[in-house]
Amino acid sequence: MTKSRGRIPNVQAVSSLKPGIMKTLMAHVSSVIFGESSVSRAEREMVAAEVSATIKCQYLTLAHAQALRGEDPESQLAEQLGENYHDAGLPPKQVTMLEFAEFLTTISSAVTEDWVEELRSVGWDDADVVALFNYMCCVADGLGVDPDTERRWQEQSQRLSFKDETAPKVFGKIAPMPESPVT
């Protein structure tokens, strides 16, 4: 990731404490985000941002909103994810995708065949992306990963409706940054 982004994302730095796990995790993330799928890259970022916002993970809400903005710099959608995607003018297929992501994130045990049929009725057949982002949000939030300061997130970070509901975390308190860059 360092080669493609010119820096080490904070979540990767924290994960580097267990290099074998980090390597596997980063390969999995890369496969989910960039691999072949019926879900577009922008839609994957939408799901990731919405799942992250649903569980109030600032780091990944902002990271994936920024990635979505990179997919379509003119779109205001990145600003609305995590707040009210219902007013973003999305097609029904994408609204259903985000509703399912939110539902699965909050009460996955209540998913029924009706939900699956609803997804199918609007054209979805690939919901795997939700599980990965639930996992990544738990890792990032649980370890206290702060948003990367190199990104232009400060303004959007201040607007997150849940920013005052999350426990303050000092990056590195649970898992300190490594001394030297990881490649």
N, C-alpha and C. Protein backbone atom coordinates (compact mmCIF):
# COMPACT_ATOMS: atom_id res chain seq x y z
N MET A 1 0.81 -1.19 0.00
CA MET A 1 0.00 0.00 0.00
C MET A 1 0.85 1.26 0.00
N THR A 2 2.01 1.19 0.61
CA THR A 2 2.88 2.35 0.66
C THR A 2 3.25 2.80 -0.74
N LYS A 3 3.56 1.86 -1.63
CA LYS A 3 3.94 2.22 -2.99
C LYS A 3 2.81 2.92 -3.73
N SER A 4 1.59 2.46 -3.54
CA SER A 4 0.47 3.05 -4.28
C SER A 4 -0.04 4.35 -3.65
N ARG A 5 0.14 4.53 -2.37
CA ARG A 5 -0.40 5.72 -1.71
C ARG A 5 0.67 6.69 -1.23
N GLY A 6 1.92 6.26 -1.22
CA GLY A 6 2.99 7.14 -0.78
C GLY A 6 3.09 7.27 0.74
N ARG A 7 2.36 6.48 1.47
CA ARG A 7 2.39 6.52 2.94
C ARG A 7 1.82 5.21 3.47
N ILE A 8 1.94 5.01 4.75
CA ILE A 8 1.37 3.83 5.39
C ILE A 8 0.11 4.27 6.12
N PRO A 9 -1.06 3.76 5.72
CA PRO A 9 -2.29 4.10 6.45
C PRO A 9 -2.19 3.65 7.92
N ASN A 10 -2.79 4.41 8.82
CA ASN A 10 -2.72 4.09 10.25
C ASN A 10 -3.20 2.68 10.56
N VAL A 11 -4.26 2.23 9.91
CA VAL A 11 -4.77 0.89 10.20
C VAL A 11 -3.74 -0.17 9.79
N GLN A 12 -2.98 0.09 8.74
CA GLN A 12 -1.94 -0.86 8.33
C GLN A 12 -0.78 -0.80 9.32
N ALA A 13 -0.46 0.37 9.82
CA ALA A 13 0.62 0.49 10.81
C ALA A 13 0.29 -0.30 12.07
N VAL A 14 -0.94 -0.19 12.54
CA VAL A 14 -1.36 -0.94 13.72
C VAL A 14 -1.33 -2.43 13.44
N SER A 15 -1.80 -2.82 12.27
CA SER A 15 -1.82 -4.24 11.90
C SER A 15 -0.42 -4.81 11.73
N SER A 16 0.56 -3.97 11.50
CA SER A 16 1.92 -4.45 11.24
C SER A 16 2.56 -5.09 12.46
N LEU A 17 1.92 -4.95 13.61
CA LEU A 17 2.45 -5.60 14.80
C LEU A 17 2.38 -7.12 14.66
N LYS A 18 1.54 -7.59 13.79
CA LYS A 18 1.42 -9.01 13.45
C LYS A 18 1.58 -9.12 11.94
N PRO A 19 2.82 -9.11 11.43
CA PRO A 19 3.06 -9.04 9.98
C PRO A 19 2.34 -10.10 9.16
N GLY A 20 2.27 -11.32 9.63
CA GLY A 20 1.59 -12.37 8.87
C GLY A 20 0.12 -12.08 8.71
N ILE A 21 -0.51 -11.64 9.79
CA ILE A 21 -1.93 -11.30 9.74
C ILE A 21 -2.15 -10.09 8.85
N MET A 22 -1.26 -9.08 8.98
CA MET A 22 -1.39 -7.88 8.17
C MET A 22 -1.30 -8.21 6.68
N LYS A 23 -0.36 -9.05 6.31
CA LYS A 23 -0.18 -9.40 4.90
C LYS A 23 -1.45 -10.08 4.37
N THR A 24 -1.98 -11.01 5.13
CA THR A 24 -3.20 -11.72 4.73
C THR A 24 -4.38 -10.75 4.66
N LEU A 25 -4.51 -9.90 5.66
CA LEU A 25 -5.61 -8.94 5.71
C LEU A 25 -5.55 -7.97 4.54
N MET A 26 -4.37 -7.43 4.25
CA MET A 26 -4.23 -6.48 3.16
C MET A 26 -4.52 -7.14 1.81
N ALA A 27 -4.13 -8.40 1.66
CA ALA A 27 -4.45 -9.13 0.42
C ALA A 27 -5.96 -9.31 0.29
N HIS A 28 -6.61 -9.60 1.40
CA HIS A 28 -8.06 -9.78 1.40
C HIS A 28 -8.77 -8.46 1.08
N VAL A 29 -8.34 -7.39 1.73
CA VAL A 29 -8.93 -6.08 1.48
C VAL A 29 -8.76 -5.71 0.00
N SER A 30 -7.57 -5.92 -0.52
CA SER A 30 -7.30 -5.60 -1.92
C SER A 30 -8.21 -6.40 -2.84
N SER A 31 -8.40 -7.66 -2.52
CA SER A 31 -9.26 -8.52 -3.34
C SER A 31 -10.71 -8.03 -3.29
N VAL A 32 -11.19 -7.66 -2.11
CA VAL A 32 -12.58 -7.22 -1.98
C VAL A 32 -12.79 -5.88 -2.67
N ILE A 33 -11.87 -4.95 -2.49
CA ILE A 33 -12.03 -3.61 -3.06
C ILE A 33 -11.77 -3.59 -4.57
N PHE A 34 -10.70 -4.28 -4.99
CA PHE A 34 -10.27 -4.17 -6.39
C PHE A 34 -10.55 -5.41 -7.23
N GLY A 35 -10.96 -6.51 -6.60
CA GLY A 35 -11.18 -7.76 -7.33
C GLY A 35 -12.43 -7.73 -8.19
N GLU A 36 -12.58 -8.78 -8.97
CA GLU A 36 -13.75 -8.91 -9.84
C GLU A 36 -15.01 -9.05 -9.01
N SER A 37 -16.05 -8.33 -9.40
CA SER A 37 -17.30 -8.39 -8.66
C SER A 37 -18.40 -7.75 -9.49
N SER A 38 -19.63 -8.13 -9.20
CA SER A 38 -20.77 -7.46 -9.82
C SER A 38 -21.04 -6.12 -9.13
N VAL A 39 -20.38 -5.87 -8.02
CA VAL A 39 -20.51 -4.62 -7.28
C VAL A 39 -19.40 -3.69 -7.75
N SER A 40 -19.75 -2.49 -8.22
CA SER A 40 -18.75 -1.55 -8.72
C SER A 40 -17.84 -1.07 -7.58
N ARG A 41 -16.71 -0.52 -7.93
CA ARG A 41 -15.78 0.02 -6.93
C ARG A 41 -16.47 1.11 -6.12
N ALA A 42 -17.19 2.00 -6.79
CA ALA A 42 -17.89 3.07 -6.07
C ALA A 42 -18.93 2.49 -5.11
N GLU A 43 -19.64 1.45 -5.54
CA GLU A 43 -20.64 0.83 -4.66
C GLU A 43 -19.98 0.16 -3.47
N ARG A 44 -18.82 -0.44 -3.68
CA ARG A 44 -18.10 -1.06 -2.57
C ARG A 44 -17.69 0.00 -1.55
N GLU A 45 -17.24 1.14 -2.05
CA GLU A 45 -16.86 2.24 -1.15
C GLU A 45 -18.09 2.80 -0.43
N MET A 46 -19.23 2.84 -1.12
CA MET A 46 -20.47 3.28 -0.48
C MET A 46 -20.84 2.37 0.67
N VAL A 47 -20.78 1.06 0.43
CA VAL A 47 -21.09 0.09 1.48
C VAL A 47 -20.11 0.24 2.63
N ALA A 48 -18.83 0.33 2.30
CA ALA A 48 -17.81 0.44 3.34
C ALA A 48 -18.02 1.69 4.20
N ALA A 49 -18.32 2.81 3.56
CA ALA A 49 -18.55 4.05 4.31
C ALA A 49 -19.81 3.95 5.17
N GLU A 50 -20.87 3.36 4.62
CA GLU A 50 -22.12 3.25 5.38
C GLU A 50 -21.99 2.28 6.55
N VAL A 51 -21.36 1.14 6.33
CA VAL A 51 -21.12 0.18 7.42
C VAL A 51 -20.29 0.86 8.51
N SER A 52 -19.26 1.57 8.10
CA SER A 52 -18.38 2.24 9.05
C SER A 52 -19.14 3.28 9.86
N ALA A 53 -19.98 4.06 9.19
CA ALA A 53 -20.78 5.07 9.89
C ALA A 53 -21.80 4.42 10.82
N THR A 54 -22.37 3.31 10.39
CA THR A 54 -23.37 2.62 11.21
C THR A 54 -22.78 2.18 12.54
N ILE A 55 -21.55 1.70 12.52
CA ILE A 55 -20.94 1.28 13.78
C ILE A 55 -20.05 2.37 14.38
N LYS A 56 -20.16 3.57 13.81
CA LYS A 56 -19.51 4.76 14.35
C LYS A 56 -17.99 4.66 14.39
N CYS A 57 -17.42 4.12 13.32
CA CYS A 57 -15.97 4.05 13.18
C CYS A 57 -15.51 5.23 12.33
N GLN A 58 -15.01 6.27 12.99
CA GLN A 58 -14.59 7.47 12.27
C GLN A 58 -13.53 7.18 11.22
N TYR A 59 -12.53 6.41 11.61
CA TYR A 59 -11.41 6.14 10.71
C TYR A 59 -11.89 5.63 9.36
N LEU A 60 -12.69 4.57 9.35
CA LEU A 60 -13.09 3.96 8.08
C LEU A 60 -14.25 4.69 7.42
N THR A 61 -15.08 5.39 8.18
CA THR A 61 -16.11 6.22 7.54
C THR A 61 -15.42 7.26 6.66
N LEU A 62 -14.44 7.93 7.23
CA LEU A 62 -13.74 8.97 6.49
C LEU A 62 -12.87 8.40 5.38
N ALA A 63 -12.20 7.29 5.65
CA ALA A 63 -11.33 6.68 4.63
C ALA A 63 -12.13 6.28 3.39
N HIS A 64 -13.28 5.65 3.61
CA HIS A 64 -14.06 5.18 2.46
C HIS A 64 -14.87 6.30 1.81
N ALA A 65 -15.26 7.31 2.57
CA ALA A 65 -15.88 8.48 1.95
C ALA A 65 -14.87 9.17 1.05
N GLN A 66 -13.63 9.26 1.51
CA GLN A 66 -12.56 9.86 0.70
C GLN A 66 -12.32 9.03 -0.55
N ALA A 67 -12.30 7.71 -0.42
CA ALA A 67 -12.11 6.83 -1.58
C ALA A 67 -13.27 6.98 -2.56
N LEU A 68 -14.48 7.10 -2.04
CA LEU A 68 -15.64 7.30 -2.90
C LEU A 68 -15.52 8.63 -3.64
N ARG A 69 -15.08 9.65 -2.95
CA ARG A 69 -14.88 10.96 -3.56
C ARG A 69 -13.84 10.84 -4.69
N GLY A 70 -12.84 9.99 -4.48
CA GLY A 70 -11.84 9.77 -5.52
C GLY A 70 -12.42 9.11 -6.76
N GLU A 71 -13.45 8.28 -6.57
CA GLU A 71 -14.11 7.63 -7.70
C GLU A 71 -14.95 8.62 -8.50
N ASP A 72 -15.52 9.61 -7.82
CA ASP A 72 -16.35 10.62 -8.49
C ASP A 72 -16.21 11.95 -7.75
N PRO A 73 -15.15 12.72 -8.09
CA PRO A 73 -14.86 13.97 -7.37
C PRO A 73 -15.99 14.99 -7.37
N GLU A 74 -16.88 14.95 -8.36
CA GLU A 74 -17.96 15.92 -8.45
C GLU A 74 -19.17 15.54 -7.58
N SER A 75 -19.24 14.30 -7.17
CA SER A 75 -20.40 13.82 -6.42
C SER A 75 -20.39 14.33 -4.99
N GLN A 76 -21.57 14.64 -4.49
CA GLN A 76 -21.73 15.03 -3.09
C GLN A 76 -22.10 13.83 -2.23
N LEU A 77 -22.18 12.66 -2.85
CA LEU A 77 -22.60 11.46 -2.14
C LEU A 77 -21.69 11.14 -0.96
N ALA A 78 -20.38 11.31 -1.14
CA ALA A 78 -19.44 11.00 -0.06
C ALA A 78 -19.76 11.80 1.20
N GLU A 79 -20.27 13.01 1.02
CA GLU A 79 -20.63 13.84 2.16
C GLU A 79 -21.90 13.34 2.85
N GLN A 80 -22.77 12.69 2.10
CA GLN A 80 -24.06 12.27 2.65
C GLN A 80 -24.04 10.87 3.27
N LEU A 81 -23.09 10.06 2.87
CA LEU A 81 -23.04 8.72 3.45
C LEU A 81 -22.77 8.82 4.93
N GLY A 82 -23.45 8.02 5.67
CA GLY A 82 -23.31 8.06 7.12
C GLY A 82 -24.27 9.05 7.76
N GLU A 83 -24.88 9.88 6.95
CA GLU A 83 -25.83 10.86 7.48
C GLU A 83 -27.24 10.55 6.97
N ASN A 84 -27.44 10.67 5.65
CA ASN A 84 -28.76 10.37 5.10
C ASN A 84 -28.66 10.04 3.61
N TYR A 85 -28.30 8.83 3.32
CA TYR A 85 -28.18 8.41 1.93
C TYR A 85 -29.54 8.35 1.23
N HIS A 86 -30.63 8.31 2.00
CA HIS A 86 -31.97 8.28 1.39
C HIS A 86 -32.26 9.56 0.61
N ASP A 87 -31.61 10.66 0.98
CA ASP A 87 -31.82 11.94 0.29
C ASP A 87 -30.74 12.22 -0.74
N ALA A 88 -29.95 11.22 -1.09
CA ALA A 88 -28.82 11.44 -1.99
C ALA A 88 -29.18 11.23 -3.46
N GLY A 89 -30.44 10.90 -3.75
CA GLY A 89 -30.85 10.70 -5.13
C GLY A 89 -30.32 9.41 -5.75
N LEU A 90 -30.06 8.42 -4.91
CA LEU A 90 -29.54 7.14 -5.40
C LEU A 90 -30.65 6.31 -6.04
N PRO A 91 -30.30 5.48 -7.01
CA PRO A 91 -31.29 4.56 -7.57
C PRO A 91 -31.71 3.52 -6.53
N PRO A 92 -32.91 2.95 -6.67
CA PRO A 92 -33.40 1.97 -5.69
C PRO A 92 -32.42 0.82 -5.42
N LYS A 93 -31.70 0.38 -6.43
CA LYS A 93 -30.75 -0.72 -6.24
C LYS A 93 -29.69 -0.35 -5.20
N GLN A 94 -29.17 0.87 -5.28
CA GLN A 94 -28.14 1.29 -4.33
C GLN A 94 -28.72 1.60 -2.96
N VAL A 95 -29.92 2.14 -2.91
CA VAL A 95 -30.57 2.38 -1.61
C VAL A 95 -30.79 1.05 -0.89
N THR A 96 -31.28 0.05 -1.62
CA THR A 96 -31.50 -1.27 -1.03
C THR A 96 -30.19 -1.87 -0.55
N MET A 97 -29.13 -1.70 -1.32
CA MET A 97 -27.81 -2.19 -0.94
C MET A 97 -27.38 -1.56 0.40
N LEU A 98 -27.54 -0.25 0.52
CA LEU A 98 -27.12 0.43 1.75
C LEU A 98 -28.04 0.10 2.92
N GLU A 99 -29.33 -0.04 2.66
CA GLU A 99 -30.25 -0.45 3.73
C GLU A 99 -29.87 -1.83 4.26
N PHE A 100 -29.55 -2.73 3.34
CA PHE A 100 -29.16 -4.07 3.76
C PHE A 100 -27.85 -4.03 4.54
N ALA A 101 -26.90 -3.25 4.07
CA ALA A 101 -25.62 -3.13 4.78
C ALA A 101 -25.84 -2.62 6.21
N GLU A 102 -26.69 -1.62 6.34
CA GLU A 102 -26.99 -1.06 7.66
C GLU A 102 -27.71 -2.09 8.53
N PHE A 103 -28.69 -2.77 7.97
CA PHE A 103 -29.45 -3.79 8.70
C PHE A 103 -28.53 -4.94 9.13
N LEU A 104 -27.73 -5.43 8.21
CA LEU A 104 -26.82 -6.53 8.51
C LEU A 104 -25.81 -6.13 9.59
N THR A 105 -25.41 -4.88 9.56
CA THR A 105 -24.44 -4.38 10.53
C THR A 105 -25.04 -4.29 11.93
N THR A 106 -26.30 -3.91 12.02
CA THR A 106 -26.89 -3.69 13.34
C THR A 106 -27.56 -4.93 13.91
N ILE A 107 -28.24 -5.71 13.09
CA ILE A 107 -28.94 -6.89 13.61
C ILE A 107 -28.86 -8.05 12.61
N SER A 108 -27.67 -8.53 12.39
CA SER A 108 -27.46 -9.57 11.38
C SER A 108 -28.25 -10.84 11.66
N SER A 109 -28.52 -11.12 12.92
CA SER A 109 -29.26 -12.34 13.24
C SER A 109 -30.71 -12.29 12.77
N ALA A 110 -31.19 -11.10 12.42
CA ALA A 110 -32.58 -10.96 11.99
C ALA A 110 -32.75 -10.99 10.47
N VAL A 111 -31.67 -11.22 9.73
CA VAL A 111 -31.77 -11.29 8.28
C VAL A 111 -32.62 -12.50 7.91
N THR A 112 -33.61 -12.26 7.08
CA THR A 112 -34.52 -13.33 6.66
C THR A 112 -34.45 -13.50 5.15
N GLU A 113 -35.13 -14.50 4.68
CA GLU A 113 -35.22 -14.74 3.23
C GLU A 113 -35.85 -13.53 2.53
N ASP A 114 -36.72 -12.80 3.24
CA ASP A 114 -37.33 -11.60 2.65
C ASP A 114 -36.27 -10.58 2.25
N TRP A 115 -35.27 -10.41 3.11
CA TRP A 115 -34.18 -9.48 2.79
C TRP A 115 -33.42 -9.96 1.56
N VAL A 116 -33.12 -11.23 1.52
CA VAL A 116 -32.40 -11.79 0.39
C VAL A 116 -33.21 -11.58 -0.89
N GLU A 117 -34.50 -11.84 -0.82
CA GLU A 117 -35.37 -11.65 -1.99
C GLU A 117 -35.42 -10.18 -2.40
N GLU A 118 -35.45 -9.28 -1.43
CA GLU A 118 -35.45 -7.85 -1.74
C GLU A 118 -34.18 -7.47 -2.50
N LEU A 119 -33.04 -7.97 -2.05
CA LEU A 119 -31.79 -7.71 -2.76
C LEU A 119 -31.83 -8.27 -4.18
N ARG A 120 -32.31 -9.48 -4.30
CA ARG A 120 -32.40 -10.09 -5.63
C ARG A 120 -33.35 -9.31 -6.53
N SER A 121 -34.44 -8.82 -5.97
CA SER A 121 -35.45 -8.12 -6.78
C SER A 121 -34.92 -6.84 -7.40
N VAL A 122 -33.91 -6.24 -6.79
CA VAL A 122 -33.33 -5.02 -7.37
C VAL A 122 -32.02 -5.31 -8.10
N GLY A 123 -31.65 -6.59 -8.18
CA GLY A 123 -30.51 -6.96 -9.01
C GLY A 123 -29.22 -7.32 -8.30
N TRP A 124 -29.25 -7.50 -6.99
CA TRP A 124 -28.02 -7.85 -6.27
C TRP A 124 -27.85 -9.35 -6.15
N ASP A 125 -26.58 -9.76 -6.21
CA ASP A 125 -26.27 -11.17 -5.95
C ASP A 125 -24.95 -11.30 -5.21
N ASP A 126 -24.40 -10.19 -4.71
CA ASP A 126 -23.08 -10.23 -4.08
C ASP A 126 -23.08 -9.31 -2.86
N ALA A 127 -23.24 -9.87 -1.66
CA ALA A 127 -23.27 -9.06 -0.43
C ALA A 127 -22.06 -9.34 0.45
N ASP A 128 -21.06 -10.03 -0.06
CA ASP A 128 -19.89 -10.40 0.74
C ASP A 128 -19.13 -9.20 1.30
N VAL A 129 -19.18 -8.10 0.60
CA VAL A 129 -18.39 -6.94 0.98
C VAL A 129 -18.77 -6.43 2.37
N VAL A 130 -20.01 -6.59 2.80
CA VAL A 130 -20.45 -6.08 4.10
C VAL A 130 -19.70 -6.72 5.25
N ALA A 131 -19.52 -8.01 5.22
CA ALA A 131 -18.87 -8.71 6.33
C ALA A 131 -17.45 -8.22 6.53
N LEU A 132 -16.70 -8.02 5.46
CA LEU A 132 -15.32 -7.56 5.59
C LEU A 132 -15.27 -6.21 6.27
N PHE A 133 -16.13 -5.28 5.87
CA PHE A 133 -16.05 -3.95 6.44
C PHE A 133 -16.53 -3.90 7.88
N ASN A 134 -17.44 -4.78 8.26
CA ASN A 134 -17.78 -4.89 9.67
C ASN A 134 -16.54 -5.29 10.46
N TYR A 135 -15.82 -6.27 9.96
CA TYR A 135 -14.60 -6.74 10.62
C TYR A 135 -13.55 -5.63 10.70
N MET A 136 -13.29 -4.98 9.58
CA MET A 136 -12.26 -3.94 9.56
C MET A 136 -12.61 -2.79 10.50
N CYS A 137 -13.89 -2.41 10.56
CA CYS A 137 -14.29 -1.34 11.47
C CYS A 137 -14.05 -1.72 12.92
N CYS A 138 -14.35 -2.96 13.26
CA CYS A 138 -14.11 -3.42 14.63
C CYS A 138 -12.63 -3.39 14.96
N VAL A 139 -11.79 -3.81 14.04
CA VAL A 139 -10.35 -3.79 14.26
C VAL A 139 -9.87 -2.35 14.42
N ALA A 140 -10.22 -1.49 13.48
CA ALA A 140 -9.74 -0.10 13.52
C ALA A 140 -10.25 0.62 14.77
N ASP A 141 -11.52 0.48 15.07
CA ASP A 141 -12.08 1.18 16.21
C ASP A 141 -11.61 0.59 17.53
N GLY A 142 -11.56 -0.73 17.59
CA GLY A 142 -11.13 -1.40 18.82
C GLY A 142 -9.69 -1.11 19.19
N LEU A 143 -8.85 -0.91 18.18
CA LEU A 143 -7.44 -0.61 18.44
C LEU A 143 -7.19 0.89 18.57
N GLY A 144 -8.22 1.69 18.38
CA GLY A 144 -8.07 3.13 18.55
C GLY A 144 -7.35 3.81 17.41
N VAL A 145 -7.58 3.37 16.19
CA VAL A 145 -6.90 3.96 15.04
C VAL A 145 -7.56 5.30 14.70
N ASP A 146 -6.77 6.36 14.75
CA ASP A 146 -7.25 7.69 14.40
C ASP A 146 -7.22 7.87 12.89
N PRO A 147 -8.04 8.79 12.36
CA PRO A 147 -7.96 9.08 10.93
C PRO A 147 -6.54 9.52 10.56
N ASP A 148 -6.11 9.12 9.37
CA ASP A 148 -4.78 9.51 8.90
C ASP A 148 -4.75 11.03 8.74
N THR A 149 -3.76 11.68 9.33
CA THR A 149 -3.70 13.13 9.30
C THR A 149 -3.32 13.69 7.94
N GLU A 150 -2.71 12.86 7.09
CA GLU A 150 -2.32 13.34 5.77
C GLU A 150 -3.53 13.61 4.89
N ARG A 151 -4.63 13.02 5.21
CA ARG A 151 -5.83 13.19 4.38
C ARG A 151 -6.56 14.46 4.78
N ARG A 152 -7.35 14.94 3.85
CA ARG A 152 -8.11 16.16 4.11
C ARG A 152 -9.46 15.81 4.72
N TRP A 153 -9.43 15.28 5.92
CA TRP A 153 -10.64 14.78 6.56
C TRP A 153 -11.15 15.68 7.67
N GLN A 154 -10.33 16.60 8.13
CA GLN A 154 -10.68 17.33 9.34
C GLN A 154 -12.06 17.98 9.26
N GLU A 155 -12.38 18.63 8.15
CA GLU A 155 -13.67 19.30 8.04
C GLU A 155 -14.82 18.29 8.08
N GLN A 156 -14.70 17.22 7.31
CA GLN A 156 -15.77 16.21 7.31
C GLN A 156 -15.84 15.51 8.66
N SER A 157 -14.71 15.29 9.29
CA SER A 157 -14.68 14.64 10.60
C SER A 157 -15.52 15.42 11.62
N GLN A 158 -15.43 16.73 11.56
CA GLN A 158 -16.18 17.56 12.49
C GLN A 158 -17.69 17.49 12.26
N ARG A 159 -18.10 17.10 11.04
CA ARG A 159 -19.52 17.03 10.72
C ARG A 159 -20.14 15.67 10.99
N LEU A 160 -19.35 14.67 11.32
CA LEU A 160 -19.92 13.34 11.57
C LEU A 160 -20.88 13.42 12.75
N SER A 161 -22.10 12.97 12.53
CA SER A 161 -23.13 13.09 13.57
C SER A 161 -22.78 12.28 14.82
N PHE A 162 -21.97 11.25 14.68
CA PHE A 162 -21.67 10.39 15.82
C PHE A 162 -20.33 10.70 16.47
N LYS A 163 -19.63 11.74 16.02
CA LYS A 163 -18.26 11.97 16.51
C LYS A 163 -18.19 12.17 18.02
N ASP A 164 -19.23 12.73 18.62
CA ASP A 164 -19.21 12.95 20.06
C ASP A 164 -19.70 11.74 20.86
N GLU A 165 -20.16 10.70 20.16
CA GLU A 165 -20.67 9.51 20.83
C GLU A 165 -19.61 8.42 20.97
N THR A 166 -18.48 8.62 20.33
CA THR A 166 -17.44 7.58 20.38
C THR A 166 -16.45 7.90 21.48
N ALA A 167 -15.94 6.85 22.09
CA ALA A 167 -14.95 7.03 23.15
C ALA A 167 -13.66 7.58 22.54
N PRO A 168 -13.09 8.61 23.16
CA PRO A 168 -11.83 9.13 22.63
C PRO A 168 -10.74 8.08 22.74
N LYS A 169 -9.93 7.99 21.72
CA LYS A 169 -8.84 7.02 21.70
C LYS A 169 -7.57 7.73 21.31
N VAL A 170 -6.52 7.40 21.98
CA VAL A 170 -5.22 7.95 21.61
C VAL A 170 -4.53 6.90 20.77
N PHE A 171 -4.28 7.23 19.49
CA PHE A 171 -3.64 6.27 18.60
C PHE A 171 -2.33 5.82 19.21
N GLY A 172 -2.11 4.54 19.18
CA GLY A 172 -0.86 4.00 19.70
C GLY A 172 -0.94 3.57 21.15
N LYS A 173 -1.99 3.94 21.85
CA LYS A 173 -2.10 3.54 23.25
C LYS A 173 -2.29 2.03 23.37
N ILE A 174 -3.11 1.47 22.50
CA ILE A 174 -3.34 0.02 22.54
C ILE A 174 -2.27 -0.69 21.73
N ALA A 175 -2.00 -0.18 20.55
CA ALA A 175 -1.02 -0.79 19.66
C ALA A 175 -0.12 0.31 19.12
N PRO A 176 1.08 0.47 19.68
CA PRO A 176 1.93 1.58 19.26
C PRO A 176 2.37 1.46 17.81
N MET A 177 2.62 2.62 17.21
CA MET A 177 3.13 2.66 15.84
C MET A 177 4.49 1.99 15.80
N PRO A 178 4.79 1.27 14.73
CA PRO A 178 6.12 0.68 14.60
C PRO A 178 7.17 1.76 14.43
N GLU A 179 8.40 1.44 14.82
CA GLU A 179 9.50 2.40 14.74
C GLU A 179 9.86 2.77 13.31
N SER A 180 9.88 1.79 12.43
CA SER A 180 10.27 2.06 11.05
C SER A 180 9.12 1.72 10.12
N PRO A 181 9.08 2.38 8.94
CA PRO A 181 7.99 2.11 8.00
C PRO A 181 7.95 0.65 7.59
N VAL A 182 6.74 0.17 7.38
CA VAL A 182 6.52 -1.19 6.92
C VAL A 182 6.26 -1.13 5.43
N THR A 183 6.88 -2.02 4.68
CA THR A 183 6.64 -2.01 3.23
C THR A 183 5.89 -3.23 2.81
